Amino acid sequence: MPLLPLAILSSLVALVCAAFLIVHAFRRSVGTGVMVLLIPCYAFFYAFSQFEHRHKGLIVAGFVSCTVLSAVFLGLGSHALTALTARVPPPGF
């Protein structure tokens, strides 16, 4: 169960990094901003190809890694909760 707070923390870091991407995309054009906001695959493409910032490496690395980490932590945390709530009868019944 301690994985769920880690999932929330990594999701917040990914959200902050995504906010940098979205603001930059909307400053470029409204169409690009809407595409980054609504199409997840385009957000990754935009982050690597068109995003220009002096801390680009940190922002893109934080966005990608924290997105993956939050998905992993959520998956493992939900699996642990499912295992705790499932009542498996002892063998032999």
PDB file of N, CA and C in Angstrom:
ATOM      1  N   MET A   1       0.783  -1.207   0.000  1.00  0.00           N
ATOM      2  CA  MET A   1       0.000   0.000   0.000  1.00  0.00           C
ATOM      3  C   MET A   1       0.824   1.271   0.000  1.00  0.00           C
ATOM      4  N   PRO A   2       2.088   1.272   0.411  1.00  0.00           N
ATOM      5  CA  PRO A   2       2.836   2.525   0.359  1.00  0.00           C
ATOM      6  C   PRO A   2       3.180   2.962  -1.067  1.00  0.00           C
ATOM      7  N   LEU A   3       2.802   2.179  -2.055  1.00  0.00           N
ATOM      8  CA  LEU A   3       3.082   2.566  -3.434  1.00  0.00           C
ATOM      9  C   LEU A   3       2.110   3.618  -3.948  1.00  0.00           C
ATOM     10  N   LEU A   4       0.920   3.685  -3.394  1.00  0.00           N
ATOM     11  CA  LEU A   4      -0.057   4.661  -3.872  1.00  0.00           C
ATOM     12  C   LEU A   4       0.360   6.109  -3.595  1.00  0.00           C
ATOM     13  N   PRO A   5       0.934   6.445  -2.440  1.00  0.00           N
ATOM     14  CA  PRO A   5       1.442   7.820  -2.286  1.00  0.00           C
ATOM     15  C   PRO A   5       2.588   8.141  -3.248  1.00  0.00           C
ATOM     16  N   LEU A   6       3.414   7.154  -3.556  1.00  0.00           N
ATOM     17  CA  LEU A   6       4.466   7.375  -4.548  1.00  0.00           C
ATOM     18  C   LEU A   6       3.873   7.618  -5.929  1.00  0.00           C
ATOM     19  N   ALA A   7       2.785   6.939  -6.245  1.00  0.00           N
ATOM     20  CA  ALA A   7       2.110   7.164  -7.519  1.00  0.00           C
ATOM     21  C   ALA A   7       1.545   8.571  -7.594  1.00  0.00           C
ATOM     22  N   ILE A   8       0.990   9.051  -6.497  1.00  0.00           N
ATOM     23  CA  ILE A   8       0.446  10.416  -6.462  1.00  0.00           C
ATOM     24  C   ILE A   8       1.571  11.435  -6.609  1.00  0.00           C
ATOM     25  N   LEU A   9       2.677  11.210  -5.923  1.00  0.00           N
ATOM     26  CA  LEU A   9       3.803  12.134  -5.999  1.00  0.00           C
ATOM     27  C   LEU A   9       4.387  12.189  -7.411  1.00  0.00           C
ATOM     28  N   SER A  10       4.597  11.036  -8.028  1.00  0.00           N
ATOM     29  CA  SER A  10       5.150  11.032  -9.378  1.00  0.00           C
ATOM     30  C   SER A  10       4.151  11.594 -10.392  1.00  0.00           C
ATOM     31  N   SER A  11       2.862  11.411 -10.143  1.00  0.00           N
ATOM     32  CA  SER A  11       1.857  12.007 -11.019  1.00  0.00           C
ATOM     33  C   SER A  11       1.874  13.526 -10.929  1.00  0.00           C
ATOM     34  N   LEU A  12       2.078  14.049  -9.734  1.00  0.00           N
ATOM     35  CA  LEU A  12       2.158  15.503  -9.580  1.00  0.00           C
ATOM     36  C   LEU A  12       3.383  16.086 -10.283  1.00  0.00           C
ATOM     37  N   VAL A  13       4.512  15.396 -10.202  1.00  0.00           N
ATOM     38  CA  VAL A  13       5.713  15.860 -10.897  1.00  0.00           C
ATOM     39  C   VAL A  13       5.493  15.814 -12.407  1.00  0.00           C
ATOM     40  N   ALA A  14       4.866  14.743 -12.893  1.00  0.00           N
ATOM     41  CA  ALA A  14       4.567  14.650 -14.316  1.00  0.00           C
ATOM     42  C   ALA A  14       3.588  15.740 -14.745  1.00  0.00           C
ATOM     43  N   LEU A  15       2.642  16.073 -13.894  1.00  0.00           N
ATOM     44  CA  LEU A  15       1.681  17.127 -14.200  1.00  0.00           C
ATOM     45  C   LEU A  15       2.352  18.492 -14.297  1.00  0.00           C
ATOM     46  N   VAL A  16       3.296  18.769 -13.414  1.00  0.00           N
ATOM     47  CA  VAL A  16       4.027  20.042 -13.465  1.00  0.00           C
ATOM     48  C   VAL A  16       4.853  20.122 -14.742  1.00  0.00           C
ATOM     49  N   CYS A  17       5.519  19.039 -15.092  1.00  0.00           N
ATOM     50  CA  CYS A  17       6.304  19.023 -16.328  1.00  0.00           C
ATOM     51  C   CYS A  17       5.402  19.147 -17.562  1.00  0.00           C
ATOM     52  N   ALA A  18       4.240  18.513 -17.517  1.00  0.00           N
ATOM     53  CA  ALA A  18       3.296  18.618 -18.628  1.00  0.00           C
ATOM     54  C   ALA A  18       2.754  20.040 -18.743  1.00  0.00           C
ATOM     55  N   ALA A  19       2.623  20.734 -17.625  1.00  0.00           N
ATOM     56  CA  ALA A  19       2.159  22.122 -17.675  1.00  0.00           C
ATOM     57  C   ALA A  19       3.145  22.998 -18.446  1.00  0.00           C
ATOM     58  N   PHE A  20       4.450  22.770 -18.266  1.00  0.00           N
ATOM     59  CA  PHE A  20       5.442  23.503 -19.050  1.00  0.00           C
ATOM     60  C   PHE A  20       5.259  23.236 -20.536  1.00  0.00           C
ATOM     61  N   LEU A  21       5.033  21.977 -20.885  1.00  0.00           N
ATOM     62  CA  LEU A  21       4.840  21.622 -22.289  1.00  0.00           C
ATOM     63  C   LEU A  21       3.587  22.269 -22.872  1.00  0.00           C
ATOM     64  N   ILE A  22       2.504  22.232 -22.134  1.00  0.00           N
ATOM     65  CA  ILE A  22       1.234  22.763 -22.631  1.00  0.00           C
ATOM     66  C   ILE A  22       1.301  24.277 -22.795  1.00  0.00           C
ATOM     67  N   VAL A  23       1.895  24.966 -21.823  1.00  0.00           N
ATOM     68  CA  VAL A  23       2.020  26.419 -21.930  1.00  0.00           C
ATOM     69  C   VAL A  23       2.872  26.795 -23.133  1.00  0.00           C
ATOM     70  N   HIS A  24       3.966  26.080 -23.329  1.00  0.00           N
ATOM     71  CA  HIS A  24       4.834  26.353 -24.478  1.00  0.00           C
ATOM     72  C   HIS A  24       4.101  26.082 -25.787  1.00  0.00           C
ATOM     73  N   ALA A  25       3.328  25.027 -25.830  1.00  0.00           N
ATOM     74  CA  ALA A  25       2.603  24.691 -27.051  1.00  0.00           C
ATOM     75  C   ALA A  25       1.528  25.724 -27.362  1.00  0.00           C
ATOM     76  N   PHE A  26       0.814  26.208 -26.362  1.00  0.00           N
ATOM     77  CA  PHE A  26      -0.204  27.231 -26.604  1.00  0.00           C
ATOM     78  C   PHE A  26       0.421  28.567 -26.986  1.00  0.00           C
ATOM     79  N   ARG A  27       1.607  28.855 -26.505  1.00  0.00           N
ATOM     80  CA  ARG A  27       2.293  30.076 -26.942  1.00  0.00           C
ATOM     81  C   ARG A  27       2.699  29.978 -28.400  1.00  0.00           C
ATOM     82  N   ARG A  28       2.980  28.775 -28.853  1.00  0.00           N
ATOM     83  CA  ARG A  28       3.349  28.582 -30.258  1.00  0.00           C
ATOM     84  C   ARG A  28       2.147  28.777 -31.162  1.00  0.00           C
ATOM     85  N   SER A  29       1.058  28.059 -30.888  1.00  0.00           N
ATOM     86  CA  SER A  29      -0.202  28.257 -31.600  1.00  0.00           C
ATOM     87  C   SER A  29      -1.309  27.529 -30.842  1.00  0.00           C
ATOM     88  N   VAL A  30      -2.531  27.956 -31.080  1.00  0.00           N
ATOM     89  CA  VAL A  30      -3.664  27.343 -30.394  1.00  0.00           C
ATOM     90  C   VAL A  30      -3.850  25.901 -30.858  1.00  0.00           C
ATOM     91  N   GLY A  31      -3.675  25.653 -32.138  1.00  0.00           N
ATOM     92  CA  GLY A  31      -3.829  24.291 -32.661  1.00  0.00           C
ATOM     93  C   GLY A  31      -2.824  23.331 -32.063  1.00  0.00           C
ATOM     94  N   THR A  32      -1.579  23.765 -31.949  1.00  0.00           N
ATOM     95  CA  THR A  32      -0.551  22.917 -31.345  1.00  0.00           C
ATOM     96  C   THR A  32      -0.852  22.677 -29.872  1.00  0.00           C
ATOM     97  N   GLY A  33      -1.323  23.703 -29.180  1.00  0.00           N
ATOM     98  CA  GLY A  33      -1.668  23.548 -27.773  1.00  0.00           C
ATOM     99  C   GLY A  33      -2.798  22.570 -27.557  1.00  0.00           C
ATOM    100  N   VAL A  34      -3.809  22.639 -28.404  1.00  0.00           N
ATOM    101  CA  VAL A  34      -4.939  21.711 -28.290  1.00  0.00           C
ATOM    102  C   VAL A  34      -4.486  20.285 -28.591  1.00  0.00           C
ATOM    103  N   MET A  35      -3.616  20.129 -29.582  1.00  0.00           N
ATOM    104  CA  MET A  35      -3.123  18.786 -29.903  1.00  0.00           C
ATOM    105  C   MET A  35      -2.295  18.206 -28.758  1.00  0.00           C
ATOM    106  N   VAL A  36      -1.435  19.020 -28.148  1.00  0.00           N
ATOM    107  CA  VAL A  36      -0.640  18.544 -27.010  1.00  0.00           C
ATOM    108  C   VAL A  36      -1.550  18.215 -25.833  1.00  0.00           C
ATOM    109  N   LEU A  37      -2.599  18.995 -25.653  1.00  0.00           N
ATOM    110  CA  LEU A  37      -3.512  18.790 -24.535  1.00  0.00           C
ATOM    111  C   LEU A  37      -4.370  17.540 -24.706  1.00  0.00           C
ATOM    112  N   LEU A  38      -4.790  17.243 -25.933  1.00  0.00           N
ATOM    113  CA  LEU A  38      -5.769  16.181 -26.147  1.00  0.00           C
ATOM    114  C   LEU A  38      -5.222  14.871 -26.713  1.00  0.00           C
ATOM    115  N   ILE A  39      -4.049  14.906 -27.328  1.00  0.00           N
ATOM    116  CA  ILE A  39      -3.491  13.692 -27.944  1.00  0.00           C
ATOM    117  C   ILE A  39      -2.215  13.311 -27.193  1.00  0.00           C
ATOM    118  N   PRO A  40      -2.276  12.249 -26.378  1.00  0.00           N
ATOM    119  CA  PRO A  40      -1.104  11.907 -25.561  1.00  0.00           C
ATOM    120  C   PRO A  40       0.150  11.578 -26.374  1.00  0.00           C
ATOM    121  N   CYS A  41       0.006  10.888 -27.477  1.00  0.00           N
ATOM    122  CA  CYS A  41       1.180  10.542 -28.284  1.00  0.00           C
ATOM    123  C   CYS A  41       1.830  11.791 -28.874  1.00  0.00           C
ATOM    124  N   TYR A  42       1.014  12.772 -29.223  1.00  0.00           N
ATOM    125  CA  TYR A  42       1.572  14.007 -29.765  1.00  0.00           C
ATOM    126  C   TYR A  42       2.314  14.790 -28.681  1.00  0.00           C
ATOM    127  N   ALA A  43       1.893  14.674 -27.450  1.00  0.00           N
ATOM    128  CA  ALA A  43       2.601  15.356 -26.364  1.00  0.00           C
ATOM    129  C   ALA A  43       4.031  14.831 -26.252  1.00  0.00           C
ATOM    130  N   PHE A  44       4.210  13.526 -26.369  1.00  0.00           N
ATOM    131  CA  PHE A  44       5.564  12.963 -26.339  1.00  0.00           C
ATOM    132  C   PHE A  44       6.362  13.406 -27.554  1.00  0.00           C
ATOM    133  N   PHE A  45       5.740  13.409 -28.733  1.00  0.00           N
ATOM    134  CA  PHE A  45       6.416  13.854 -29.956  1.00  0.00           C
ATOM    135  C   PHE A  45       6.823  15.320 -29.829  1.00  0.00           C
ATOM    136  N   TYR A  46       5.908  16.143 -29.347  1.00  0.00           N
ATOM    137  CA  TYR A  46       6.185  17.569 -29.193  1.00  0.00           C
ATOM    138  C   TYR A  46       7.308  17.797 -28.187  1.00  0.00           C
ATOM    139  N   ALA A  47       7.311  17.039 -27.106  1.00  0.00           N
ATOM    140  CA  ALA A  47       8.334  17.213 -26.074  1.00  0.00           C
ATOM    141  C   ALA A  47       9.735  16.965 -26.631  1.00  0.00           C
ATOM    142  N   PHE A  48       9.863  15.984 -27.499  1.00  0.00           N
ATOM    143  CA  PHE A  48      11.184  15.649 -28.025  1.00  0.00           C
ATOM    144  C   PHE A  48      11.571  16.475 -29.236  1.00  0.00           C
ATOM    145  N   SER A  49      10.610  16.902 -30.042  1.00  0.00           N
ATOM    146  CA  SER A  49      10.974  17.522 -31.311  1.00  0.00           C
ATOM    147  C   SER A  49      10.845  19.043 -31.336  1.00  0.00           C
ATOM    148  N   GLN A  50       9.826  19.617 -30.707  1.00  0.00           N
ATOM    149  CA  GLN A  50       9.571  21.043 -30.892  1.00  0.00           C
ATOM    150  C   GLN A  50       9.681  21.863 -29.615  1.00  0.00           C
ATOM    151  N   PHE A  51       9.745  21.243 -28.489  1.00  0.00           N
ATOM    152  CA  PHE A  51       9.817  21.961 -27.217  1.00  0.00           C
ATOM    153  C   PHE A  51      11.192  22.587 -27.058  1.00  0.00           C
ATOM    154  N   GLU A  52      11.225  23.896 -26.807  1.00  0.00           N
ATOM    155  CA  GLU A  52      12.485  24.606 -26.612  1.00  0.00           C
ATOM    156  C   GLU A  52      12.441  25.311 -25.259  1.00  0.00           C
ATOM    157  N   HIS A  53      13.340  24.927 -24.382  1.00  0.00           N
ATOM    158  CA  HIS A  53      13.436  25.525 -23.057  1.00  0.00           C
ATOM    159  C   HIS A  53      14.859  25.324 -22.586  1.00  0.00           C
ATOM    160  N   ARG A  54      15.333  26.195 -21.734  1.00  0.00           N
ATOM    161  CA  ARG A  54      16.731  26.041 -21.297  1.00  0.00           C
ATOM    162  C   ARG A  54      16.906  24.824 -20.397  1.00  0.00           C
ATOM    163  N   HIS A  55      15.835  24.340 -19.784  1.00  0.00           N
ATOM    164  CA  HIS A  55      15.881  23.121 -18.969  1.00  0.00           C
ATOM    165  C   HIS A  55      15.096  22.004 -19.646  1.00  0.00           C
ATOM    166  N   LYS A  56      15.209  21.918 -20.953  1.00  0.00           N
ATOM    167  CA  LYS A  56      14.440  20.927 -21.718  1.00  0.00           C
ATOM    168  C   LYS A  56      14.730  19.510 -21.241  1.00  0.00           C
ATOM    169  N   GLY A  57      15.975  19.188 -21.010  1.00  0.00           N
ATOM    170  CA  GLY A  57      16.334  17.835 -20.602  1.00  0.00           C
ATOM    171  C   GLY A  57      15.663  17.415 -19.311  1.00  0.00           C
ATOM    172  N   LEU A  58      15.670  18.304 -18.329  1.00  0.00           N
ATOM    173  CA  LEU A  58      15.047  17.983 -17.048  1.00  0.00           C
ATOM    174  C   LEU A  58      13.531  17.876 -17.161  1.00  0.00           C
ATOM    175  N   ILE A  59      12.929  18.777 -17.924  1.00  0.00           N
ATOM    176  CA  ILE A  59      11.470  18.777 -18.046  1.00  0.00           C
ATOM    177  C   ILE A  59      10.986  17.547 -18.796  1.00  0.00           C
ATOM    178  N   VAL A  60      11.626  17.241 -19.916  1.00  0.00           N
ATOM    179  CA  VAL A  60      11.208  16.069 -20.708  1.00  0.00           C
ATOM    180  C   VAL A  60      11.497  14.776 -19.951  1.00  0.00           C
ATOM    181  N   ALA A  61      12.657  14.696 -19.309  1.00  0.00           N
ATOM    182  CA  ALA A  61      12.976  13.494 -18.527  1.00  0.00           C
ATOM    183  C   ALA A  61      12.012  13.329 -17.358  1.00  0.00           C
ATOM    184  N   GLY A  62      11.675  14.415 -16.696  1.00  0.00           N
ATOM    185  CA  GLY A  62      10.706  14.344 -15.600  1.00  0.00           C
ATOM    186  C   GLY A  62       9.332  13.942 -16.084  1.00  0.00           C
ATOM    187  N   PHE A  63       8.920  14.483 -17.221  1.00  0.00           N
ATOM    188  CA  PHE A  63       7.610  14.149 -17.780  1.00  0.00           C
ATOM    189  C   PHE A  63       7.518  12.671 -18.146  1.00  0.00           C
ATOM    190  N   VAL A  64       8.494  12.186 -18.902  1.00  0.00           N
ATOM    191  CA  VAL A  64       8.446  10.797 -19.367  1.00  0.00           C
ATOM    192  C   VAL A  64       8.643   9.824 -18.214  1.00  0.00           C
ATOM    193  N   SER A  65       9.665  10.049 -17.398  1.00  0.00           N
ATOM    194  CA  SER A  65       9.959   9.082 -16.331  1.00  0.00           C
ATOM    195  C   SER A  65       8.874   9.065 -15.262  1.00  0.00           C
ATOM    196  N   CYS A  66       8.373  10.216 -14.889  1.00  0.00           N
ATOM    197  CA  CYS A  66       7.331  10.241 -13.852  1.00  0.00           C
ATOM    198  C   CYS A  66       5.999   9.715 -14.369  1.00  0.00           C
ATOM    199  N   THR A  67       5.739   9.876 -15.663  1.00  0.00           N
ATOM    200  CA  THR A  67       4.536   9.269 -16.236  1.00  0.00           C
ATOM    201  C   THR A  67       4.618   7.753 -16.167  1.00  0.00           C
ATOM    202  N   VAL A  68       5.765   7.205 -16.530  1.00  0.00           N
ATOM    203  CA  VAL A  68       5.952   5.753 -16.480  1.00  0.00           C
ATOM    204  C   VAL A  68       5.936   5.260 -15.032  1.00  0.00           C
ATOM    205  N   LEU A  69       6.625   5.977 -14.142  1.00  0.00           N
ATOM    206  CA  LEU A  69       6.652   5.569 -12.736  1.00  0.00           C
ATOM    207  C   LEU A  69       5.265   5.597 -12.100  1.00  0.00           C
ATOM    208  N   SER A  70       4.489   6.611 -12.401  1.00  0.00           N
ATOM    209  CA  SER A  70       3.149   6.665 -11.811  1.00  0.00           C
ATOM    210  C   SER A  70       2.275   5.529 -12.324  1.00  0.00           C
ATOM    211  N   ALA A  71       2.425   5.164 -13.590  1.00  0.00           N
ATOM    212  CA  ALA A  71       1.660   4.032 -14.115  1.00  0.00           C
ATOM    213  C   ALA A  71       2.085   2.729 -13.440  1.00  0.00           C
ATOM    214  N   VAL A  72       3.375   2.556 -13.247  1.00  0.00           N
ATOM    215  CA  VAL A  72       3.867   1.338 -12.593  1.00  0.00           C
ATOM    216  C   VAL A  72       3.418   1.282 -11.136  1.00  0.00           C
ATOM    217  N   PHE A  73       3.561   2.396 -10.423  1.00  0.00           N
ATOM    218  CA  PHE A  73       3.144   2.420  -9.020  1.00  0.00           C
ATOM    219  C   PHE A  73       1.650   2.211  -8.872  1.00  0.00           C
ATOM    220  N   LEU A  74       0.857   2.784  -9.763  1.00  0.00           N
ATOM    221  CA  LEU A  74      -0.589   2.570  -9.703  1.00  0.00           C
ATOM    222  C   LEU A  74      -0.941   1.116  -9.973  1.00  0.00           C
ATOM    223  N   GLY A  75      -0.269   0.521 -10.939  1.00  0.00           N
ATOM    224  CA  GLY A  75      -0.528  -0.886 -11.242  1.00  0.00           C
ATOM    225  C   GLY A  75      -0.157  -1.799 -10.095  1.00  0.00           C
ATOM    226  N   LEU A  76       1.020  -1.584  -9.528  1.00  0.00           N
ATOM    227  CA  LEU A  76       1.455  -2.427  -8.408  1.00  0.00           C
ATOM    228  C   LEU A  76       0.619  -2.167  -7.161  1.00  0.00           C
ATOM    229  N   GLY A  77       0.260  -0.903  -6.930  1.00  0.00           N
ATOM    230  CA  GLY A  77      -0.558  -0.582  -5.772  1.00  0.00           C
ATOM    231  C   GLY A  77      -1.954  -1.160  -5.867  1.00  0.00           C
ATOM    232  N   SER A  78      -2.549  -1.099  -7.045  1.00  0.00           N
ATOM    233  CA  SER A  78      -3.886  -1.680  -7.204  1.00  0.00           C
ATOM    234  C   SER A  78      -3.832  -3.200  -7.129  1.00  0.00           C
ATOM    235  N   HIS A  79      -2.743  -3.786  -7.612  1.00  0.00           N
ATOM    236  CA  HIS A  79      -2.586  -5.238  -7.503  1.00  0.00           C
ATOM    237  C   HIS A  79      -2.467  -5.648  -6.034  1.00  0.00           C
ATOM    238  N   ALA A  80      -1.735  -4.861  -5.250  1.00  0.00           N
ATOM    239  CA  ALA A  80      -1.591  -5.166  -3.822  1.00  0.00           C
ATOM    240  C   ALA A  80      -2.928  -5.014  -3.099  1.00  0.00           C
ATOM    241  N   LEU A  81      -3.699  -3.992  -3.452  1.00  0.00           N
ATOM    242  CA  LEU A  81      -5.012  -3.826  -2.832  1.00  0.00           C
ATOM    243  C   LEU A  81      -5.951  -4.961  -3.204  1.00  0.00           C
ATOM    244  N   THR A  82      -5.875  -5.418  -4.446  1.00  0.00           N
ATOM    245  CA  THR A  82      -6.708  -6.538  -4.880  1.00  0.00           C
ATOM    246  C   THR A  82      -6.321  -7.806  -4.134  1.00  0.00           C
ATOM    247  N   ALA A  83      -5.027  -8.012  -3.948  1.00  0.00           N
ATOM    248  CA  ALA A  83      -4.577  -9.204  -3.229  1.00  0.00           C
ATOM    249  C   ALA A  83      -4.994  -9.155  -1.762  1.00  0.00           C
ATOM    250  N   LEU A  84      -5.033  -7.974  -1.181  1.00  0.00           N
ATOM    251  CA  LEU A  84      -5.447  -7.857   0.219  1.00  0.00           C
ATOM    252  C   LEU A  84      -6.948  -8.102   0.390  1.00  0.00           C
ATOM    253  N   THR A  85      -7.731  -7.645  -0.566  1.00  0.00           N
ATOM    254  CA  THR A  85      -9.185  -7.767  -0.422  1.00  0.00           C
ATOM    255  C   THR A  85      -9.712  -9.108  -0.894  1.00  0.00           C
ATOM    256  N   ALA A  86      -8.954  -9.812  -1.711  1.00  0.00           N
ATOM    257  CA  ALA A  86      -9.407 -11.122  -2.194  1.00  0.00           C
ATOM    258  C   ALA A  86      -9.185 -12.167  -1.100  1.00  0.00           C
ATOM    259  N   ARG A  87     -10.231 -12.881  -0.794  1.00  0.00           N
ATOM    260  CA  ARG A  87     -10.124 -13.940   0.204  1.00  0.00           C
ATOM    261  C   ARG A  87      -9.944 -15.264  -0.512  1.00  0.00           C
ATOM    262  N   VAL A  88      -8.730 -15.741  -0.506  1.00  0.00           N
ATOM    263  CA  VAL A  88      -8.417 -17.013  -1.143  1.00  0.00           C
ATOM    264  C   VAL A  88      -8.529 -18.103  -0.079  1.00  0.00           C
ATOM    265  N   PRO A  89      -9.360 -19.111  -0.316  1.00  0.00           N
ATOM    266  CA  PRO A  89      -9.462 -20.175   0.686  1.00  0.00           C
ATOM    267  C   PRO A  89      -8.167 -20.965   0.772  1.00  0.00           C
ATOM    268  N   PRO A  90      -7.848 -21.480   1.945  1.00  0.00           N
ATOM    269  CA  PRO A  90      -6.631 -22.275   2.073  1.00  0.00           C
ATOM    270  C   PRO A  90      -6.726 -23.540   1.217  1.00  0.00           C
ATOM    271  N   PRO A  91      -5.587 -24.051   0.779  1.00  0.00           N
ATOM    272  CA  PRO A  91      -5.616 -25.263  -0.055  1.00  0.00           C
ATOM    273  C   PRO A  91      -6.219 -26.441   0.700  1.00  0.00           C
ATOM    274  N   GLY A  92      -6.898 -27.258  -0.029  1.00  0.00           N
ATOM    275  CA  GLY A  92      -7.514 -28.428   0.557  1.00  0.00           C
ATOM    276  C   GLY A  92      -9.016 -28.337   0.696  1.00  0.00           C
ATOM    277  N   PHE A  93      -9.591 -27.195   0.361  1.00  0.00           N
ATOM    278  CA  PHE A  93     -11.046 -27.058   0.445  1.00  0.00           C
ATOM    279  C   PHE A  93     -11.684 -27.249  -0.875  1.00  0.00           C
TER     280      PHE A  93
END
